[in-house]
Amino acid sequence: MLQVDHISKAFGSQQVLTDLSFTVQRGAVTGLLGANGAGKTTLLRIITCLTPPDSGRVLFEGHEMAQDDLRHIGYLPEERGLYRHVAAGEQALFFARMKGMGRKEAEASVHEWFARLGMEEWWHRPAGKLSKGMQQKLQFVVTVAHHPQLVILDEPFSGFDSDNSAMLKHEIGALRDKGCAVLLSTHNLQAAEELCDKRIEL
């Protein structure tokens, strides 16, 4: 589904990525591993068209990645992007609609995810009033509610206790089992060992 083809990127004199190539398949979790500063987040920003590479290209379903393809991708960035004063439910609906879902379809999907993750009581609560772990759950719903074909997760376990980490591992596995392609960037080596079908070292 996704092909990273000879990607290189530098910021000034600092070479961050050098001639990197790999593929991400449907129905598999690909782990992106490396120390802080290894270029994991930069690579994810290149894949999602937020940062241009110096050389190389990213292919999605056989063609060069374009802005229109992003509606088929769910991206959970390391720096979260929630609106603090907007109610959790309305916020999740807004982002689902932004990805092209109709109102009724978005409502059905978001309500299903809220129920699945035990979030129903948060529906009318502003995101800024939620704990870090609750915000993380909401961000995950925002990432997956539009039924993306490719899910990209940058440090998704940050802010989660062991119970919520186990819940997230289960949901990532369920996405994989449904045929979704997952690209997971994490410092959590145990999670990588449990979840990843393939690992890319940076």
N, C-alpha and C. Protein backbone atom coordinates (compact mmCIF):
# COMPACT_ATOMS: atom_id res chain seq x y z
N MET A 1 0.82 -1.21 0.00
CA MET A 1 0.00 0.00 0.00
C MET A 1 0.85 1.26 0.00
N LEU A 2 1.86 1.31 0.87
CA LEU A 2 2.73 2.47 0.99
C LEU A 2 4.15 2.07 0.65
N GLN A 3 4.80 2.88 -0.18
CA GLN A 3 6.19 2.63 -0.53
C GLN A 3 7.01 3.90 -0.31
N VAL A 4 7.99 3.80 0.57
CA VAL A 4 8.96 4.88 0.78
C VAL A 4 10.16 4.55 -0.10
N ASP A 5 10.45 5.44 -1.04
CA ASP A 5 11.39 5.14 -2.11
C ASP A 5 12.58 6.10 -2.09
N HIS A 6 13.69 5.67 -1.49
CA HIS A 6 14.96 6.41 -1.50
C HIS A 6 14.80 7.84 -0.97
N ILE A 7 14.17 7.96 0.20
CA ILE A 7 13.93 9.27 0.81
C ILE A 7 15.19 9.75 1.55
N SER A 8 15.55 11.00 1.28
CA SER A 8 16.62 11.68 2.03
C SER A 8 16.12 13.05 2.45
N LYS A 9 16.58 13.49 3.63
CA LYS A 9 16.18 14.79 4.15
C LYS A 9 17.26 15.32 5.07
N ALA A 10 17.62 16.60 4.87
CA ALA A 10 18.57 17.28 5.75
C ALA A 10 17.99 18.61 6.16
N PHE A 11 18.37 19.06 7.35
CA PHE A 11 18.05 20.41 7.82
C PHE A 11 19.38 21.13 8.01
N GLY A 12 19.71 21.98 7.06
CA GLY A 12 21.01 22.63 7.10
C GLY A 12 22.11 21.59 6.90
N SER A 13 23.06 21.56 7.82
CA SER A 13 24.16 20.61 7.73
C SER A 13 23.84 19.27 8.38
N GLN A 14 22.66 19.16 9.00
CA GLN A 14 22.28 17.92 9.70
C GLN A 14 21.51 16.99 8.78
N GLN A 15 22.10 15.89 8.43
CA GLN A 15 21.44 14.88 7.60
C GLN A 15 20.56 14.02 8.50
N VAL A 16 19.24 14.05 8.27
CA VAL A 16 18.30 13.34 9.14
C VAL A 16 17.93 11.98 8.56
N LEU A 17 17.67 11.92 7.26
CA LEU A 17 17.32 10.67 6.59
C LEU A 17 18.20 10.52 5.35
N THR A 18 18.69 9.29 5.11
CA THR A 18 19.59 9.06 3.99
C THR A 18 19.16 7.84 3.19
N ASP A 19 18.65 8.07 1.99
CA ASP A 19 18.35 7.00 1.04
C ASP A 19 17.55 5.87 1.68
N LEU A 20 16.44 6.23 2.32
CA LEU A 20 15.61 5.26 3.06
C LEU A 20 14.52 4.70 2.17
N SER A 21 14.40 3.38 2.17
CA SER A 21 13.36 2.71 1.38
C SER A 21 12.75 1.57 2.19
N PHE A 22 11.43 1.45 2.14
CA PHE A 22 10.72 0.31 2.73
C PHE A 22 9.27 0.34 2.26
N THR A 23 8.53 -0.73 2.53
CA THR A 23 7.12 -0.80 2.17
C THR A 23 6.28 -1.11 3.40
N VAL A 24 5.02 -0.68 3.35
CA VAL A 24 4.03 -0.99 4.38
C VAL A 24 2.88 -1.72 3.70
N GLN A 25 2.57 -2.92 4.18
CA GLN A 25 1.58 -3.77 3.54
C GLN A 25 0.23 -3.71 4.25
N ARG A 26 -0.83 -4.01 3.52
CA ARG A 26 -2.14 -4.17 4.13
C ARG A 26 -2.11 -5.36 5.11
N GLY A 27 -2.89 -5.24 6.17
CA GLY A 27 -3.00 -6.34 7.12
C GLY A 27 -1.72 -6.62 7.87
N ALA A 28 -0.90 -5.58 8.08
CA ALA A 28 0.36 -5.75 8.80
C ALA A 28 0.68 -4.48 9.56
N VAL A 29 1.43 -4.64 10.66
CA VAL A 29 1.93 -3.51 11.44
C VAL A 29 3.43 -3.40 11.19
N THR A 30 3.85 -2.27 10.65
CA THR A 30 5.26 -2.01 10.42
C THR A 30 5.76 -1.05 11.49
N GLY A 31 6.78 -1.46 12.23
CA GLY A 31 7.32 -0.64 13.30
C GLY A 31 8.47 0.24 12.82
N LEU A 32 8.46 1.48 13.26
CA LEU A 32 9.52 2.44 12.94
C LEU A 32 10.26 2.73 14.24
N LEU A 33 11.49 2.23 14.35
CA LEU A 33 12.23 2.29 15.60
C LEU A 33 13.51 3.10 15.44
N GLY A 34 13.88 3.81 16.50
CA GLY A 34 15.10 4.60 16.49
C GLY A 34 15.14 5.53 17.68
N ALA A 35 16.31 5.99 18.03
CA ALA A 35 16.47 6.90 19.15
C ALA A 35 15.89 8.27 18.84
N ASN A 36 15.72 9.09 19.86
CA ASN A 36 15.30 10.47 19.64
C ASN A 36 16.27 11.15 18.68
N GLY A 37 15.71 11.86 17.71
CA GLY A 37 16.54 12.55 16.73
C GLY A 37 16.93 11.69 15.54
N ALA A 38 16.44 10.45 15.50
CA ALA A 38 16.79 9.55 14.40
C ALA A 38 16.05 9.88 13.10
N GLY A 39 14.99 10.69 13.21
CA GLY A 39 14.26 11.11 12.01
C GLY A 39 12.90 10.47 11.84
N LYS A 40 12.40 9.79 12.87
CA LYS A 40 11.11 9.11 12.74
C LYS A 40 9.97 10.09 12.45
N THR A 41 9.87 11.14 13.25
CA THR A 41 8.78 12.10 13.06
C THR A 41 8.94 12.84 11.74
N THR A 42 10.17 13.19 11.37
CA THR A 42 10.41 13.83 10.07
C THR A 42 9.91 12.95 8.95
N LEU A 43 10.20 11.64 9.02
CA LEU A 43 9.74 10.72 7.99
C LEU A 43 8.21 10.69 7.91
N LEU A 44 7.56 10.64 9.05
CA LEU A 44 6.09 10.60 9.05
C LEU A 44 5.51 11.88 8.48
N ARG A 45 6.15 13.00 8.74
CA ARG A 45 5.70 14.27 8.18
C ARG A 45 5.91 14.31 6.66
N ILE A 46 6.94 13.65 6.17
CA ILE A 46 7.14 13.54 4.73
C ILE A 46 6.06 12.67 4.11
N ILE A 47 5.77 11.54 4.75
CA ILE A 47 4.75 10.63 4.22
C ILE A 47 3.40 11.32 4.14
N THR A 48 3.07 12.15 5.12
CA THR A 48 1.76 12.82 5.16
C THR A 48 1.76 14.19 4.49
N CYS A 49 2.78 14.45 3.67
CA CYS A 49 2.85 15.67 2.84
C CYS A 49 2.99 16.95 3.64
N LEU A 50 3.44 16.87 4.89
CA LEU A 50 3.64 18.07 5.70
C LEU A 50 5.04 18.66 5.52
N THR A 51 5.98 17.81 5.13
CA THR A 51 7.36 18.23 4.89
C THR A 51 7.85 17.60 3.60
N PRO A 52 8.45 18.36 2.69
CA PRO A 52 8.94 17.76 1.44
C PRO A 52 10.29 17.08 1.65
N PRO A 53 10.55 15.97 0.98
CA PRO A 53 11.87 15.36 1.05
C PRO A 53 12.85 16.13 0.17
N ASP A 54 14.14 15.97 0.44
CA ASP A 54 15.15 16.54 -0.46
C ASP A 54 15.28 15.70 -1.72
N SER A 55 15.10 14.40 -1.58
CA SER A 55 15.12 13.50 -2.72
C SER A 55 14.31 12.26 -2.38
N GLY A 56 13.91 11.53 -3.41
CA GLY A 56 13.08 10.35 -3.21
C GLY A 56 11.61 10.69 -3.32
N ARG A 57 10.78 9.68 -3.11
CA ARG A 57 9.34 9.87 -3.25
C ARG A 57 8.59 8.88 -2.36
N VAL A 58 7.32 9.19 -2.12
CA VAL A 58 6.42 8.32 -1.36
C VAL A 58 5.28 7.91 -2.29
N LEU A 59 5.05 6.62 -2.40
CA LEU A 59 3.98 6.10 -3.25
C LEU A 59 2.86 5.54 -2.39
N PHE A 60 1.63 5.82 -2.79
CA PHE A 60 0.43 5.28 -2.12
C PHE A 60 -0.39 4.56 -3.16
N GLU A 61 -0.60 3.27 -2.95
CA GLU A 61 -1.34 2.44 -3.91
C GLU A 61 -0.76 2.56 -5.32
N GLY A 62 0.56 2.67 -5.41
CA GLY A 62 1.24 2.64 -6.70
C GLY A 62 1.46 3.97 -7.37
N HIS A 63 0.90 5.06 -6.81
CA HIS A 63 1.13 6.37 -7.41
C HIS A 63 1.73 7.31 -6.37
N GLU A 64 2.34 8.38 -6.84
CA GLU A 64 2.99 9.31 -5.93
C GLU A 64 1.96 9.95 -5.01
N MET A 65 2.28 9.97 -3.71
CA MET A 65 1.36 10.49 -2.70
C MET A 65 0.93 11.92 -3.03
N ALA A 66 -0.39 12.17 -2.94
CA ALA A 66 -0.95 13.49 -3.20
C ALA A 66 -1.88 13.87 -2.05
N GLN A 67 -2.21 15.14 -1.97
CA GLN A 67 -3.07 15.63 -0.88
C GLN A 67 -4.39 14.88 -0.83
N ASP A 68 -4.94 14.52 -1.98
CA ASP A 68 -6.24 13.85 -2.00
C ASP A 68 -6.18 12.46 -1.36
N ASP A 69 -4.98 11.86 -1.34
CA ASP A 69 -4.84 10.54 -0.73
C ASP A 69 -4.95 10.59 0.79
N LEU A 70 -4.76 11.77 1.39
CA LEU A 70 -4.73 11.88 2.84
C LEU A 70 -6.07 11.54 3.48
N ARG A 71 -7.16 11.60 2.71
CA ARG A 71 -8.46 11.23 3.28
C ARG A 71 -8.56 9.73 3.55
N HIS A 72 -7.63 8.96 2.96
CA HIS A 72 -7.59 7.52 3.21
C HIS A 72 -6.58 7.15 4.30
N ILE A 73 -5.99 8.18 4.92
CA ILE A 73 -4.94 7.96 5.92
C ILE A 73 -5.38 8.56 7.25
N GLY A 74 -5.13 7.84 8.33
CA GLY A 74 -5.31 8.37 9.67
C GLY A 74 -3.95 8.60 10.29
N TYR A 75 -3.68 9.82 10.75
CA TYR A 75 -2.36 10.17 11.28
C TYR A 75 -2.49 10.72 12.69
N LEU A 76 -1.89 10.02 13.64
CA LEU A 76 -1.83 10.48 15.01
C LEU A 76 -0.43 11.03 15.24
N PRO A 77 -0.28 12.37 15.26
CA PRO A 77 1.05 12.96 15.41
C PRO A 77 1.54 12.91 16.86
N GLU A 78 2.84 13.02 17.03
CA GLU A 78 3.41 13.04 18.38
C GLU A 78 2.93 14.26 19.14
N GLU A 79 2.83 15.40 18.45
CA GLU A 79 2.27 16.60 19.07
C GLU A 79 0.79 16.62 18.75
N ARG A 80 -0.03 16.45 19.77
CA ARG A 80 -1.47 16.29 19.58
C ARG A 80 -2.12 17.58 19.07
N GLY A 81 -3.23 17.42 18.35
CA GLY A 81 -3.84 18.57 17.71
C GLY A 81 -5.30 18.77 18.04
N LEU A 82 -5.67 18.69 19.31
CA LEU A 82 -7.06 18.85 19.71
C LEU A 82 -7.38 20.31 20.01
N TYR A 83 -8.64 20.68 19.82
CA TYR A 83 -9.13 22.01 20.20
C TYR A 83 -9.62 21.93 21.65
N ARG A 84 -8.96 22.64 22.53
CA ARG A 84 -9.20 22.49 23.96
C ARG A 84 -10.60 22.87 24.40
N HIS A 85 -11.24 23.81 23.70
CA HIS A 85 -12.54 24.33 24.16
C HIS A 85 -13.72 23.69 23.42
N VAL A 86 -13.46 22.72 22.55
CA VAL A 86 -14.52 22.06 21.79
C VAL A 86 -14.83 20.72 22.44
N ALA A 87 -16.13 20.41 22.58
CA ALA A 87 -16.56 19.16 23.19
C ALA A 87 -15.98 17.96 22.44
N ALA A 88 -15.65 16.91 23.18
CA ALA A 88 -14.98 15.75 22.61
C ALA A 88 -15.76 15.14 21.45
N GLY A 89 -17.07 14.93 21.63
CA GLY A 89 -17.86 14.32 20.58
C GLY A 89 -17.94 15.15 19.33
N GLU A 90 -18.22 16.46 19.49
CA GLU A 90 -18.32 17.34 18.33
C GLU A 90 -16.98 17.45 17.61
N GLN A 91 -15.91 17.41 18.38
CA GLN A 91 -14.58 17.49 17.80
C GLN A 91 -14.28 16.26 16.92
N ALA A 92 -14.60 15.08 17.44
CA ALA A 92 -14.39 13.86 16.67
C ALA A 92 -15.25 13.87 15.40
N LEU A 93 -16.49 14.34 15.52
CA LEU A 93 -17.35 14.45 14.34
C LEU A 93 -16.78 15.42 13.31
N PHE A 94 -16.27 16.54 13.77
CA PHE A 94 -15.69 17.55 12.87
C PHE A 94 -14.56 16.95 12.04
N PHE A 95 -13.65 16.24 12.71
CA PHE A 95 -12.51 15.68 11.99
C PHE A 95 -12.93 14.56 11.04
N ALA A 96 -13.93 13.77 11.43
CA ALA A 96 -14.43 12.73 10.53
C ALA A 96 -15.05 13.34 9.28
N ARG A 97 -15.81 14.43 9.46
CA ARG A 97 -16.39 15.13 8.30
C ARG A 97 -15.31 15.73 7.42
N MET A 98 -14.24 16.22 8.04
CA MET A 98 -13.12 16.79 7.27
C MET A 98 -12.46 15.73 6.38
N LYS A 99 -12.56 14.47 6.78
CA LYS A 99 -11.99 13.38 5.99
C LYS A 99 -12.96 12.86 4.94
N GLY A 100 -14.12 13.50 4.81
CA GLY A 100 -15.04 13.16 3.73
C GLY A 100 -16.25 12.35 4.12
N MET A 101 -16.45 12.05 5.41
CA MET A 101 -17.62 11.27 5.82
C MET A 101 -18.86 12.15 5.85
N GLY A 102 -20.01 11.56 5.51
CA GLY A 102 -21.27 12.25 5.68
C GLY A 102 -21.63 12.36 7.15
N ARG A 103 -22.59 13.23 7.48
CA ARG A 103 -22.94 13.46 8.88
C ARG A 103 -23.39 12.18 9.59
N LYS A 104 -24.32 11.45 8.98
CA LYS A 104 -24.85 10.25 9.63
C LYS A 104 -23.78 9.18 9.77
N GLU A 105 -22.98 9.01 8.73
CA GLU A 105 -21.90 8.02 8.77
C GLU A 105 -20.89 8.37 9.85
N ALA A 106 -20.55 9.67 9.94
CA ALA A 106 -19.59 10.12 10.95
C ALA A 106 -20.15 9.90 12.35
N GLU A 107 -21.42 10.24 12.56
CA GLU A 107 -22.03 10.06 13.88
C GLU A 107 -22.02 8.59 14.29
N ALA A 108 -22.37 7.71 13.35
CA ALA A 108 -22.40 6.28 13.66
C ALA A 108 -21.01 5.78 14.04
N SER A 109 -20.00 6.17 13.29
CA SER A 109 -18.65 5.70 13.54
C SER A 109 -18.10 6.25 14.85
N VAL A 110 -18.28 7.54 15.09
CA VAL A 110 -17.75 8.15 16.31
C VAL A 110 -18.45 7.59 17.54
N HIS A 111 -19.77 7.46 17.49
CA HIS A 111 -20.49 6.87 18.63
C HIS A 111 -20.02 5.44 18.89
N GLU A 112 -19.78 4.68 17.82
CA GLU A 112 -19.30 3.31 17.98
C GLU A 112 -17.94 3.29 18.69
N TRP A 113 -17.03 4.18 18.28
CA TRP A 113 -15.71 4.22 18.90
C TRP A 113 -15.78 4.71 20.34
N PHE A 114 -16.62 5.71 20.60
CA PHE A 114 -16.76 6.18 21.99
C PHE A 114 -17.26 5.06 22.89
N ALA A 115 -18.24 4.28 22.40
CA ALA A 115 -18.75 3.17 23.19
C ALA A 115 -17.69 2.09 23.36
N ARG A 116 -16.97 1.82 22.29
CA ARG A 116 -15.95 0.77 22.32
C ARG A 116 -14.84 1.07 23.33
N LEU A 117 -14.49 2.35 23.45
CA LEU A 117 -13.39 2.74 24.33
C LEU A 117 -13.86 3.28 25.68
N GLY A 118 -15.16 3.16 25.96
CA GLY A 118 -15.69 3.60 27.24
C GLY A 118 -15.65 5.11 27.42
N MET A 119 -15.98 5.84 26.36
CA MET A 119 -15.84 7.30 26.37
C MET A 119 -17.17 8.05 26.33
N GLU A 120 -18.29 7.33 26.41
CA GLU A 120 -19.60 7.98 26.20
C GLU A 120 -19.82 9.19 27.10
N GLU A 121 -19.38 9.08 28.35
CA GLU A 121 -19.64 10.18 29.30
C GLU A 121 -18.82 11.43 29.00
N TRP A 122 -17.86 11.32 28.10
CA TRP A 122 -17.02 12.48 27.75
C TRP A 122 -17.57 13.28 26.58
N TRP A 123 -18.68 12.83 25.99
CA TRP A 123 -19.13 13.39 24.72
C TRP A 123 -19.23 14.91 24.75
N HIS A 124 -19.81 15.47 25.81
CA HIS A 124 -20.04 16.91 25.87
C HIS A 124 -18.94 17.64 26.64
N ARG A 125 -17.89 16.94 27.03
CA ARG A 125 -16.83 17.56 27.83
C ARG A 125 -15.76 18.16 26.93
N PRO A 126 -15.37 19.42 27.13
CA PRO A 126 -14.30 20.02 26.31
C PRO A 126 -13.01 19.22 26.45
N ALA A 127 -12.24 19.14 25.36
CA ALA A 127 -11.01 18.36 25.37
C ALA A 127 -10.04 18.86 26.44
N GLY A 128 -10.03 20.17 26.68
CA GLY A 128 -9.13 20.73 27.68
C GLY A 128 -9.44 20.30 29.09
N LYS A 129 -10.64 19.77 29.31
CA LYS A 129 -11.04 19.30 30.64
C LYS A 129 -10.76 17.81 30.83
N LEU A 130 -10.23 17.16 29.81
CA LEU A 130 -9.91 15.75 29.90
C LEU A 130 -8.48 15.54 30.38
N SER A 131 -8.23 14.42 31.03
CA SER A 131 -6.87 14.08 31.42
C SER A 131 -6.04 13.79 30.17
N LYS A 132 -4.73 13.70 30.35
CA LYS A 132 -3.86 13.41 29.21
C LYS A 132 -4.21 12.08 28.57
N GLY A 133 -4.51 11.08 29.40
CA GLY A 133 -4.88 9.78 28.86
C GLY A 133 -6.20 9.82 28.10
N MET A 134 -7.17 10.59 28.63
CA MET A 134 -8.46 10.74 27.95
C MET A 134 -8.29 11.47 26.62
N GLN A 135 -7.45 12.50 26.61
CA GLN A 135 -7.17 13.22 25.37
C GLN A 135 -6.53 12.29 24.34
N GLN A 136 -5.68 11.40 24.83
CA GLN A 136 -5.02 10.46 23.93
C GLN A 136 -6.04 9.51 23.30
N LYS A 137 -7.01 9.05 24.09
CA LYS A 137 -8.07 8.21 23.54
C LYS A 137 -8.86 8.97 22.48
N LEU A 138 -9.20 10.22 22.78
CA LEU A 138 -9.94 11.04 21.82
C LEU A 138 -9.13 11.22 20.54
N GLN A 139 -7.83 11.46 20.67
CA GLN A 139 -6.99 11.64 19.50
C GLN A 139 -6.96 10.36 18.65
N PHE A 140 -6.97 9.21 19.32
CA PHE A 140 -7.00 7.94 18.58
C PHE A 140 -8.31 7.79 17.81
N VAL A 141 -9.43 8.15 18.44
CA VAL A 141 -10.71 8.09 17.74
C VAL A 141 -10.70 9.02 16.52
N VAL A 142 -10.17 10.21 16.69
CA VAL A 142 -10.05 11.15 15.57
C VAL A 142 -9.24 10.53 14.42
N THR A 143 -8.23 9.75 14.78
CA THR A 143 -7.35 9.15 13.79
C THR A 143 -8.02 8.04 13.00
N VAL A 144 -8.91 7.27 13.62
CA VAL A 144 -9.42 6.05 12.98
C VAL A 144 -10.91 6.10 12.62
N ALA A 145 -11.64 7.12 13.07
CA ALA A 145 -13.10 7.09 12.91
C ALA A 145 -13.55 7.11 11.45
N HIS A 146 -12.74 7.66 10.54
CA HIS A 146 -13.14 7.74 9.13
C HIS A 146 -12.76 6.49 8.34
N HIS A 147 -12.41 5.41 9.04
CA HIS A 147 -12.08 4.12 8.43
C HIS A 147 -10.92 4.22 7.43
N PRO A 148 -9.78 4.71 7.87
CA PRO A 148 -8.65 4.87 6.95
C PRO A 148 -8.09 3.52 6.50
N GLN A 149 -7.49 3.52 5.32
CA GLN A 149 -6.82 2.32 4.83
C GLN A 149 -5.42 2.18 5.42
N LEU A 150 -4.81 3.32 5.73
CA LEU A 150 -3.48 3.37 6.32
C LEU A 150 -3.55 4.19 7.60
N VAL A 151 -3.08 3.63 8.71
CA VAL A 151 -3.05 4.34 9.99
C VAL A 151 -1.59 4.55 10.39
N ILE A 152 -1.22 5.81 10.66
CA ILE A 152 0.14 6.17 11.05
C ILE A 152 0.09 6.70 12.47
N LEU A 153 0.83 6.05 13.36
CA LEU A 153 0.79 6.37 14.79
C LEU A 153 2.19 6.76 15.27
N ASP A 154 2.33 7.99 15.73
CA ASP A 154 3.62 8.49 16.22
C ASP A 154 3.58 8.53 17.75
N GLU A 155 4.29 7.63 18.38
CA GLU A 155 4.33 7.51 19.84
C GLU A 155 2.92 7.46 20.46
N PRO A 156 2.09 6.50 20.04
CA PRO A 156 0.69 6.48 20.49
C PRO A 156 0.51 6.11 21.96
N PHE A 157 1.52 5.51 22.60
CA PHE A 157 1.37 5.07 23.98
C PHE A 157 1.75 6.14 24.99
N SER A 158 2.21 7.28 24.51
CA SER A 158 2.60 8.38 25.40
C SER A 158 1.39 8.86 26.20
N GLY A 159 1.52 8.90 27.53
CA GLY A 159 0.44 9.37 28.38
C GLY A 159 -0.52 8.30 28.81
N PHE A 160 -0.30 7.05 28.39
CA PHE A 160 -1.19 5.95 28.74
C PHE A 160 -0.63 5.13 29.89
N ASP A 161 -1.52 4.71 30.81
CA ASP A 161 -1.12 3.75 31.83
C ASP A 161 -1.14 2.35 31.21
N SER A 162 -0.82 1.34 32.01
CA SER A 162 -0.70 -0.01 31.47
C SER A 162 -2.03 -0.54 30.92
N ASP A 163 -3.14 -0.22 31.60
CA ASP A 163 -4.44 -0.70 31.13
C ASP A 163 -4.81 -0.09 29.77
N ASN A 164 -4.62 1.23 29.64
CA ASN A 164 -4.95 1.88 28.38
C ASN A 164 -3.97 1.50 27.28
N SER A 165 -2.71 1.23 27.64
CA SER A 165 -1.75 0.75 26.65
C SER A 165 -2.18 -0.61 26.11
N ALA A 166 -2.66 -1.46 27.00
CA ALA A 166 -3.15 -2.78 26.57
C ALA A 166 -4.36 -2.64 25.66
N MET A 167 -5.26 -1.70 26.01
CA MET A 167 -6.44 -1.43 25.16
C MET A 167 -6.00 -0.99 23.77
N LEU A 168 -5.02 -0.08 23.72
CA LEU A 168 -4.58 0.44 22.43
C LEU A 168 -3.91 -0.65 21.60
N LYS A 169 -3.10 -1.49 22.24
CA LYS A 169 -2.48 -2.61 21.52
C LYS A 169 -3.55 -3.49 20.90
N HIS A 170 -4.62 -3.75 21.68
CA HIS A 170 -5.72 -4.58 21.16
C HIS A 170 -6.36 -3.93 19.94
N GLU A 171 -6.60 -2.62 20.00
CA GLU A 171 -7.27 -1.94 18.88
C GLU A 171 -6.37 -1.87 17.65
N ILE A 172 -5.06 -1.69 17.86
CA ILE A 172 -4.13 -1.70 16.72
C ILE A 172 -4.13 -3.08 16.07
N GLY A 173 -4.12 -4.12 16.89
CA GLY A 173 -4.20 -5.47 16.35
C GLY A 173 -5.48 -5.73 15.59
N ALA A 174 -6.59 -5.16 16.10
CA ALA A 174 -7.88 -5.33 15.42
C ALA A 174 -7.88 -4.63 14.07
N LEU A 175 -7.28 -3.44 13.99
CA LEU A 175 -7.18 -2.74 12.71
C LEU A 175 -6.39 -3.56 11.70
N ARG A 176 -5.28 -4.12 12.16
CA ARG A 176 -4.46 -4.98 11.29
C ARG A 176 -5.27 -6.17 10.80
N ASP A 177 -6.01 -6.80 11.71
CA ASP A 177 -6.76 -8.00 11.35
C ASP A 177 -7.89 -7.70 10.36
N LYS A 178 -8.34 -6.45 10.33
CA LYS A 178 -9.37 -6.05 9.38
C LYS A 178 -8.78 -5.68 8.01
N GLY A 179 -7.45 -5.77 7.89
CA GLY A 179 -6.81 -5.48 6.61
C GLY A 179 -6.21 -4.10 6.49
N CYS A 180 -6.22 -3.34 7.59
CA CYS A 180 -5.65 -2.01 7.56
C CYS A 180 -4.12 -2.12 7.59
N ALA A 181 -3.46 -1.18 6.93
CA ALA A 181 -2.00 -1.07 7.02
C ALA A 181 -1.68 -0.11 8.16
N VAL A 182 -0.76 -0.49 9.05
CA VAL A 182 -0.41 0.33 10.21
C VAL A 182 1.09 0.60 10.21
N LEU A 183 1.46 1.87 10.34
CA LEU A 183 2.85 2.27 10.51
C LEU A 183 2.97 2.87 11.90
N LEU A 184 3.76 2.20 12.75
CA LEU A 184 3.83 2.53 14.17
C LEU A 184 5.23 2.99 14.55
N SER A 185 5.33 4.24 14.99
CA SER A 185 6.59 4.78 15.51
C SER A 185 6.49 4.79 17.03
N THR A 186 7.41 4.11 17.70
CA THR A 186 7.31 4.02 19.15
C THR A 186 8.66 3.76 19.80
N HIS A 187 8.80 4.28 21.04
CA HIS A 187 9.95 3.94 21.87
C HIS A 187 9.66 2.71 22.73
N ASN A 188 8.40 2.27 22.71
CA ASN A 188 7.96 1.15 23.54
C ASN A 188 8.36 -0.16 22.86
N LEU A 189 9.54 -0.68 23.23
CA LEU A 189 10.06 -1.88 22.56
C LEU A 189 9.18 -3.09 22.79
N GLN A 190 8.57 -3.18 23.98
CA GLN A 190 7.68 -4.30 24.26
C GLN A 190 6.48 -4.27 23.31
N ALA A 191 5.92 -3.08 23.13
CA ALA A 191 4.78 -2.95 22.21
C ALA A 191 5.19 -3.31 20.79
N ALA A 192 6.39 -2.87 20.39
CA ALA A 192 6.87 -3.18 19.05
C ALA A 192 7.03 -4.68 18.85
N GLU A 193 7.57 -5.35 19.86
CA GLU A 193 7.76 -6.80 19.77
C GLU A 193 6.42 -7.53 19.70
N GLU A 194 5.44 -7.02 20.44
CA GLU A 194 4.13 -7.67 20.48
C GLU A 194 3.33 -7.43 19.21
N LEU A 195 3.46 -6.25 18.62
CA LEU A 195 2.55 -5.83 17.56
C LEU A 195 3.12 -5.92 16.16
N CYS A 196 4.42 -5.69 16.00
CA CYS A 196 4.96 -5.43 14.67
C CYS A 196 5.27 -6.71 13.89
N ASP A 197 4.81 -6.74 12.66
CA ASP A 197 5.13 -7.83 11.75
C ASP A 197 6.48 -7.59 11.07
N LYS A 198 6.88 -6.33 11.00
CA LYS A 198 8.16 -5.94 10.42
C LYS A 198 8.63 -4.68 11.12
N ARG A 199 9.95 -4.54 11.30
CA ARG A 199 10.50 -3.36 11.95
C ARG A 199 11.54 -2.70 11.08
N ILE A 200 11.49 -1.36 11.05
CA ILE A 200 12.44 -0.56 10.30
C ILE A 200 13.29 0.20 11.30
N GLU A 201 14.59 0.04 11.25
CA GLU A 201 15.49 0.71 12.18
C GLU A 201 16.04 1.97 11.53
N LEU A 202 15.92 3.09 12.25
CA LEU A 202 16.49 4.35 11.76
C LEU A 202 17.74 4.70 12.56
